[in-house]
Amino acid sequence: DILAKVDGPYDGRWDRFNAPVRSAMTSSLHTLQASQTLDALLPVFDRNEVAIVFDGEEFIGLITRIDLINHLRRRAK
């Protein structure tokens, strides 16, 4: 989100960083349950989103595409 927000012409590039944080954030979040399988992450990452993970009603963390890649890489060793 932040890269899309600050991308643009070279001139005025620093002015783009003066916008409030909320202008670059994603407000439509999709959540997953910790008990779901890893394949549930794929549609989230296809939408270029971060997976927000809950255990029931409790937020327990988030997973990025890089997190999944690193997890799979470590398992392959």
C-alpha atoms as a PDB file:
ATOM      1  CA  ASP A   1       0.000   0.000   0.000  1.00  0.00           C
ATOM      2  CA  ILE A   2       2.720   2.460   0.925  1.00  0.00           C
ATOM      3  CA  LEU A   3       4.705   1.836  -2.259  1.00  0.00           C
ATOM      4  CA  ALA A   4       1.635   2.458  -4.398  1.00  0.00           C
ATOM      5  CA  LYS A   5       0.951   5.656  -2.458  1.00  0.00           C
ATOM      6  CA  VAL A   6       4.425   7.159  -2.831  1.00  0.00           C
ATOM      7  CA  ASP A   7       5.073   5.982  -6.398  1.00  0.00           C
ATOM      8  CA  GLY A   8       4.996   8.734  -8.962  1.00  0.00           C
ATOM      9  CA  PRO A   9       7.081  11.329 -10.768  1.00  0.00           C
ATOM     10  CA  TYR A  10      10.518  12.103  -9.369  1.00  0.00           C
ATOM     11  CA  ASP A  11       9.637  15.778  -8.919  1.00  0.00           C
ATOM     12  CA  GLY A  12       7.643  16.236  -5.751  1.00  0.00           C
ATOM     13  CA  ARG A  13       8.519  12.780  -4.461  1.00  0.00           C
ATOM     14  CA  TRP A  14       9.070  13.987  -0.880  1.00  0.00           C
ATOM     15  CA  ASP A  15       5.703  15.761  -0.778  1.00  0.00           C
ATOM     16  CA  ARG A  16       3.988  12.389  -1.074  1.00  0.00           C
ATOM     17  CA  PHE A  17       5.369  11.429   2.349  1.00  0.00           C
ATOM     18  CA  ASN A  18       3.498  14.310   3.991  1.00  0.00           C
ATOM     19  CA  ALA A  19       0.136  12.553   3.593  1.00  0.00           C
ATOM     20  CA  PRO A  20      -1.390  10.982   6.720  1.00  0.00           C
ATOM     21  CA  VAL A  21      -0.778   7.266   7.303  1.00  0.00           C
ATOM     22  CA  ARG A  22      -4.495   6.494   6.822  1.00  0.00           C
ATOM     23  CA  SER A  23      -4.233   7.606   3.178  1.00  0.00           C
ATOM     24  CA  ALA A  24      -1.912   4.648   2.457  1.00  0.00           C
ATOM     25  CA  MET A  25      -3.499   1.945   4.597  1.00  0.00           C
ATOM     26  CA  THR A  26      -5.858  -0.823   3.596  1.00  0.00           C
ATOM     27  CA  SER A  27      -9.155  -0.589   5.447  1.00  0.00           C
ATOM     28  CA  SER A  28     -10.857  -3.634   3.946  1.00  0.00           C
ATOM     29  CA  LEU A  29      -9.232  -6.490   5.849  1.00  0.00           C
ATOM     30  CA  HIS A  30      -9.735 -10.190   5.270  1.00  0.00           C
ATOM     31  CA  THR A  31      -9.072 -12.482   8.191  1.00  0.00           C
ATOM     32  CA  LEU A  32      -8.125 -16.127   8.486  1.00  0.00           C
ATOM     33  CA  GLN A  33      -8.366 -18.527  11.387  1.00  0.00           C
ATOM     34  CA  ALA A  34      -5.137 -20.071  12.701  1.00  0.00           C
ATOM     35  CA  SER A  35      -6.641 -23.525  12.127  1.00  0.00           C
ATOM     36  CA  GLN A  36      -6.986 -22.998   8.366  1.00  0.00           C
ATOM     37  CA  THR A  37      -4.473 -24.631   6.029  1.00  0.00           C
ATOM     38  CA  LEU A  38      -1.680 -22.726   4.308  1.00  0.00           C
ATOM     39  CA  ASP A  39      -3.507 -22.846   0.971  1.00  0.00           C
ATOM     40  CA  ALA A  40      -6.028 -20.371   2.431  1.00  0.00           C
ATOM     41  CA  LEU A  41      -3.245 -17.783   2.223  1.00  0.00           C
ATOM     42  CA  LEU A  42      -2.971 -17.940  -1.563  1.00  0.00           C
ATOM     43  CA  PRO A  43      -6.096 -15.911  -2.462  1.00  0.00           C
ATOM     44  CA  VAL A  44      -5.074 -13.295   0.108  1.00  0.00           C
ATOM     45  CA  PHE A  45      -1.624 -12.956  -1.436  1.00  0.00           C
ATOM     46  CA  ASP A  46      -3.108 -12.963  -4.965  1.00  0.00           C
ATOM     47  CA  ARG A  47      -4.908  -9.764  -3.911  1.00  0.00           C
ATOM     48  CA  ASN A  48      -1.564  -8.361  -2.663  1.00  0.00           C
ATOM     49  CA  GLU A  49      -2.849  -8.323   0.901  1.00  0.00           C
ATOM     50  CA  VAL A  50      -1.449  -9.413   4.244  1.00  0.00           C
ATOM     51  CA  ALA A  51      -3.164 -12.283   6.062  1.00  0.00           C
ATOM     52  CA  ILE A  52      -4.608 -11.186   9.410  1.00  0.00           C
ATOM     53  CA  VAL A  53      -4.762 -14.272  11.629  1.00  0.00           C
ATOM     54  CA  PHE A  54      -7.170 -14.947  14.496  1.00  0.00           C
ATOM     55  CA  ASP A  55      -7.634 -17.800  16.932  1.00  0.00           C
ATOM     56  CA  GLY A  56     -11.373 -17.553  17.422  1.00  0.00           C
ATOM     57  CA  GLU A  57     -11.933 -13.885  18.313  1.00  0.00           C
ATOM     58  CA  GLU A  58      -8.333 -13.222  19.378  1.00  0.00           C
ATOM     59  CA  PHE A  59      -5.876 -11.551  17.005  1.00  0.00           C
ATOM     60  CA  ILE A  60      -2.655 -13.569  17.048  1.00  0.00           C
ATOM     61  CA  GLY A  61      -0.651 -12.087  14.185  1.00  0.00           C
ATOM     62  CA  LEU A  62      -0.251 -11.523  10.511  1.00  0.00           C
ATOM     63  CA  ILE A  63       1.481 -13.341   7.690  1.00  0.00           C
ATOM     64  CA  THR A  64       3.062 -11.752   4.645  1.00  0.00           C
ATOM     65  CA  ARG A  65       3.926 -13.391   1.357  1.00  0.00           C
ATOM     66  CA  ILE A  66       7.598 -13.294   2.378  1.00  0.00           C
ATOM     67  CA  ASP A  67       6.745 -15.051   5.664  1.00  0.00           C
ATOM     68  CA  LEU A  68       5.179 -17.912   3.724  1.00  0.00           C
ATOM     69  CA  ILE A  69       8.091 -18.115   1.284  1.00  0.00           C
ATOM     70  CA  ASN A  70      10.572 -18.249   4.167  1.00  0.00           C
ATOM     71  CA  HIS A  71       8.506 -20.915   5.937  1.00  0.00           C
ATOM     72  CA  LEU A  72       8.403 -23.106   2.824  1.00  0.00           C
ATOM     73  CA  ARG A  73      12.110 -22.557   2.170  1.00  0.00           C
ATOM     74  CA  ARG A  74      13.022 -23.652   5.707  1.00  0.00           C
ATOM     75  CA  ARG A  75      10.813 -26.739   5.444  1.00  0.00           C
ATOM     76  CA  ALA A  76      12.490 -27.743   2.178  1.00  0.00           C
ATOM     77  CA  LYS A  77      15.933 -27.985   3.799  1.00  0.00           C
END
